C-alpha atoms as a PDB file:
ATOM      1  CA  MET A   1      13.644  22.139   6.077  1.00  0.00           C
ATOM      2  CA  GLN A   2      11.631  19.046   6.240  1.00  0.00           C
ATOM      3  CA  SER A   3       9.991  17.816   9.113  1.00  0.00           C
ATOM      4  CA  GLY A   4      10.098  14.183  10.266  1.00  0.00           C
ATOM      5  CA  GLN A   5       6.359  13.219   8.917  1.00  0.00           C
ATOM      6  CA  GLU A   6       7.609  15.346   6.008  1.00  0.00           C
ATOM      7  CA  ARG A   7      10.059  13.150   5.179  1.00  0.00           C
ATOM      8  CA  LEU A   8       8.143  10.281   5.844  1.00  0.00           C
ATOM      9  CA  PHE A   9       4.913  11.042   3.999  1.00  0.00           C
ATOM     10  CA  ASN A  10       8.014  12.233   0.858  1.00  0.00           C
ATOM     11  CA  ASN A  11       9.752   9.202   1.191  1.00  0.00           C
ATOM     12  CA  ALA A  12       7.023   6.857   0.730  1.00  0.00           C
ATOM     13  CA  ASN A  13       6.108   7.793  -2.502  1.00  0.00           C
ATOM     14  CA  PHE A  14       2.648   7.003  -2.789  1.00  0.00           C
ATOM     15  CA  PRO A  15       1.420   7.666  -6.003  1.00  0.00           C
ATOM     16  CA  MET A  16      -0.696   9.525  -5.576  1.00  0.00           C
ATOM     17  CA  LEU A  17      -2.430  11.395  -2.063  1.00  0.00           C
ATOM     18  CA  LYS A  18      -6.076   9.729  -1.118  1.00  0.00           C
ATOM     19  CA  THR A  19      -7.542   9.728   2.617  1.00  0.00           C
ATOM     20  CA  ILE A  20     -10.746   8.168   3.072  1.00  0.00           C
ATOM     21  CA  ASP A  21     -12.716  11.411   2.945  1.00  0.00           C
ATOM     22  CA  SER A  22     -12.476  11.246  -0.841  1.00  0.00           C
ATOM     23  CA  PHE A  23     -13.038   7.227  -1.479  1.00  0.00           C
ATOM     24  CA  ASP A  24     -16.707   7.630  -2.097  1.00  0.00           C
ATOM     25  CA  PHE A  25     -18.273   4.011  -0.499  1.00  0.00           C
ATOM     26  CA  SER A  26     -21.493   4.207  -2.583  1.00  0.00           C
ATOM     27  CA  LEU A  27     -19.579   3.547  -5.807  1.00  0.00           C
ATOM     28  CA  GLN A  28     -18.058   0.185  -4.436  1.00  0.00           C
ATOM     29  CA  LYS A  29     -21.220  -1.083  -2.656  1.00  0.00           C
ATOM     30  CA  SER A  30     -18.966  -4.460  -2.212  1.00  0.00           C
ATOM     31  CA  ILE A  31     -16.049  -2.960  -0.043  1.00  0.00           C
ATOM     32  CA  ASN A  32     -17.597  -3.185   3.786  1.00  0.00           C
ATOM     33  CA  GLU A  33     -17.060   0.081   5.334  1.00  0.00           C
ATOM     34  CA  PRO A  34     -17.132  -0.780   8.816  1.00  0.00           C
ATOM     35  CA  LEU A  35     -13.685  -3.220   7.891  1.00  0.00           C
ATOM     36  CA  ILE A  36     -12.138  -0.456   5.962  1.00  0.00           C
ATOM     37  CA  ARG A  37     -12.722   1.931   8.832  1.00  0.00           C
ATOM     38  CA  GLU A  38     -11.673  -0.555  11.453  1.00  0.00           C
ATOM     39  CA  LEU A  39      -8.535  -0.690   9.517  1.00  0.00           C
ATOM     40  CA  LEU A  40      -7.910   3.093   9.750  1.00  0.00           C
ATOM     41  CA  GLY A  41      -6.740   2.188  13.506  1.00  0.00           C
ATOM     42  CA  CYS A  42      -4.039   0.241  11.991  1.00  0.00           C
ATOM     43  CA  GLU A  43      -4.056  -2.148  14.826  1.00  0.00           C
ATOM     44  CA  PHE A  44      -2.971  -4.538  12.528  1.00  0.00           C
ATOM     45  CA  ILE A  45       0.165  -3.062  12.416  1.00  0.00           C
ATOM     46  CA  GLU A  46       1.033  -3.872  16.306  1.00  0.00           C
ATOM     47  CA  LYS A  47      -0.352  -7.338  15.542  1.00  0.00           C
ATOM     48  CA  THR A  48       2.229  -7.224  12.564  1.00  0.00           C
ATOM     49  CA  GLU A  49      -1.051  -8.705  10.680  1.00  0.00           C
ATOM     50  CA  ASN A  50      -1.716  -7.707   6.779  1.00  0.00           C
ATOM     51  CA  VAL A  51      -3.900  -6.092   4.588  1.00  0.00           C
ATOM     52  CA  LEU A  52      -4.272  -7.235   1.148  1.00  0.00           C
ATOM     53  CA  PHE A  53      -6.963  -5.810  -1.054  1.00  0.00           C
ATOM     54  CA  MET A  54      -8.282  -7.482  -4.007  1.00  0.00           C
ATOM     55  CA  GLY A  55     -10.702  -6.732  -6.682  1.00  0.00           C
ATOM     56  CA  ASN A  56     -11.446  -6.043 -10.433  1.00  0.00           C
ATOM     57  CA  SER A  57      -9.498  -2.687 -12.100  1.00  0.00           C
ATOM     58  CA  GLY A  58     -11.332   0.751 -11.585  1.00  0.00           C
ATOM     59  CA  THR A  59     -12.379  -0.440  -7.557  1.00  0.00           C
ATOM     60  CA  GLY A  60     -10.236   1.467  -5.098  1.00  0.00           C
ATOM     61  CA  LYS A  61      -7.648  -0.695  -4.257  1.00  0.00           C
ATOM     62  CA  THR A  62      -5.005   1.798  -4.764  1.00  0.00           C
ATOM     63  CA  HIS A  63      -7.214   4.963  -2.547  1.00  0.00           C
ATOM     64  CA  LEU A  64      -8.243   2.568  -0.050  1.00  0.00           C
ATOM     65  CA  ALA A  65      -4.136   0.764   0.162  1.00  0.00           C
ATOM     66  CA  THR A  66      -2.535   4.906   0.225  1.00  0.00           C
ATOM     67  CA  ALA A  67      -5.472   6.176   2.890  1.00  0.00           C
ATOM     68  CA  LEU A  68      -4.452   3.141   4.598  1.00  0.00           C
ATOM     69  CA  GLY A  69      -0.733   4.135   4.206  1.00  0.00           C
ATOM     70  CA  PHE A  70      -1.319   7.925   5.139  1.00  0.00           C
ATOM     71  CA  ALA A  71      -3.203   7.020   8.410  1.00  0.00           C
ATOM     72  CA  ALA A  72      -0.390   4.558   9.888  1.00  0.00           C
ATOM     73  CA  LEU A  73       2.039   7.697   8.583  1.00  0.00           C
ATOM     74  CA  SER A  74      -0.084  10.356  10.813  1.00  0.00           C
ATOM     75  CA  ARG A  75       0.515   8.147  13.721  1.00  0.00           C
ATOM     76  CA  LEU A  76       3.549   8.556  13.686  1.00  0.00           C
END
């Protein structure tokens, strides 16, 4: 039987499991690392704010969005 958190992760249908620890900020100098790390605190959820990642293909948008989702689910 799955725990509640395992069920949440499975139901999230992340394209792959990516965390912030596996993101290489040195490869994308245009990404504001302090801002991303602040977002990982998930205060935007409590404030009912949206987060939007924009950029060219291959810049890490999916990785960052998945890491943010993983961080949010880990807080439950």
